[in-house]
C-alpha atoms as a PDB file:
ATOM      1  CA  UNK A   1     157.858 114.112 -45.204  1.00  0.00           C
ATOM      2  CA  UNK A   2     154.714 113.253 -44.379  1.00  0.00           C
ATOM      3  CA  UNK A   3     153.273 116.329 -46.335  1.00  0.00           C
ATOM      4  CA  UNK A   4     154.706 115.288 -49.577  1.00  0.00           C
ATOM      5  CA  UNK A   5     152.633 112.174 -48.703  1.00  0.00           C
ATOM      6  CA  UNK A   6     149.395 113.665 -48.232  1.00  0.00           C
ATOM      7  CA  UNK A   7     149.933 116.209 -51.207  1.00  0.00           C
ATOM      8  CA  UNK A   8     150.372 112.990 -53.699  1.00  0.00           C
ATOM      9  CA  UNK A   9     147.536 111.162 -52.285  1.00  0.00           C
ATOM     10  CA  UNK A  10     145.193 114.125 -52.699  1.00  0.00           C
ATOM     11  CA  UNK A  11     146.511 114.946 -56.138  1.00  0.00           C
ATOM     12  CA  UNK A  12     145.948 110.874 -57.324  1.00  0.00           C
ATOM     13  CA  UNK A  13     142.521 110.855 -55.318  1.00  0.00           C
ATOM     14  CA  UNK A  14     143.762 108.458 -52.964  1.00  0.00           C
ATOM     15  CA  UNK A  15     142.230 108.945 -49.310  1.00  0.00           C
ATOM     16  CA  UNK A  16     144.964 109.217 -46.743  1.00  0.00           C
ATOM     17  CA  UNK A  17     145.377 109.290 -43.078  1.00  0.00           C
ATOM     18  CA  UNK A  18     148.047 111.029 -41.113  1.00  0.00           C
ATOM     19  CA  UNK A  19     148.693 108.971 -38.075  1.00  0.00           C
ATOM     20  CA  UNK A  20     151.725 110.715 -36.839  1.00  0.00           C
ATOM     21  CA  UNK A  21     149.846 112.933 -35.011  1.00  0.00           C
ATOM     22  CA  UNK A  22     148.095 109.793 -32.920  1.00  0.00           C
ATOM     23  CA  UNK A  23     150.726 109.750 -30.157  1.00  0.00           C
ATOM     24  CA  UNK A  24     150.305 105.618 -30.179  1.00  0.00           C
ATOM     25  CA  UNK A  25     152.181 104.325 -27.499  1.00  0.00           C
ATOM     26  CA  UNK A  26     155.392 102.333 -28.444  1.00  0.00           C
ATOM     27  CA  UNK A  27     157.327  99.365 -27.329  1.00  0.00           C
ATOM     28  CA  UNK A  28     160.524  99.354 -25.491  1.00  0.00           C
ATOM     29  CA  UNK A  29     162.064  99.490 -29.253  1.00  0.00           C
ATOM     30  CA  UNK A  30     160.675 102.825 -30.127  1.00  0.00           C
ATOM     31  CA  UNK A  31     159.639 101.117 -33.449  1.00  0.00           C
ATOM     32  CA  UNK A  32     156.909  98.761 -32.930  1.00  0.00           C
ATOM     33  CA  UNK A  33     153.394  99.475 -31.081  1.00  0.00           C
ATOM     34  CA  UNK A  34     152.879  97.750 -27.323  1.00  0.00           C
ATOM     35  CA  UNK A  35     149.364  95.937 -27.249  1.00  0.00           C
ATOM     36  CA  UNK A  36     147.601  99.007 -25.934  1.00  0.00           C
ATOM     37  CA  UNK A  37     149.237 100.831 -28.655  1.00  0.00           C
ATOM     38  CA  UNK A  38     148.085  98.358 -31.664  1.00  0.00           C
ATOM     39  CA  UNK A  39     144.385  98.634 -29.872  1.00  0.00           C
ATOM     40  CA  UNK A  40     144.652 102.313 -29.825  1.00  0.00           C
ATOM     41  CA  UNK A  41     145.586 102.518 -33.384  1.00  0.00           C
ATOM     42  CA  UNK A  42     142.765 100.494 -34.760  1.00  0.00           C
ATOM     43  CA  UNK A  43     140.287 102.393 -32.864  1.00  0.00           C
ATOM     44  CA  UNK A  44     141.712 105.829 -34.362  1.00  0.00           C
ATOM     45  CA  UNK A  45     141.751 103.782 -37.689  1.00  0.00           C
ATOM     46  CA  UNK A  46     138.050 103.140 -37.505  1.00  0.00           C
ATOM     47  CA  UNK A  47     137.117 106.319 -36.560  1.00  0.00           C
ATOM     48  CA  UNK A  48     139.341 108.141 -39.002  1.00  0.00           C
ATOM     49  CA  UNK A  49     137.985 105.897 -41.951  1.00  0.00           C
ATOM     50  CA  UNK A  50     134.236 106.491 -40.850  1.00  0.00           C
ATOM     51  CA  UNK A  51     133.750 102.686 -40.463  1.00  0.00           C
END
């Protein structure tokens, strides 16, 4: 599925990041990030966004 999203983003000139590769720490429900997971996500997003 992610491959399709990335291809569409490229086709329409939209910058997209595949965060599924980041192995973010998830909470007990397996859906939401832990506090550390949020920090890790923000750090990786900034790195990938070149900000």
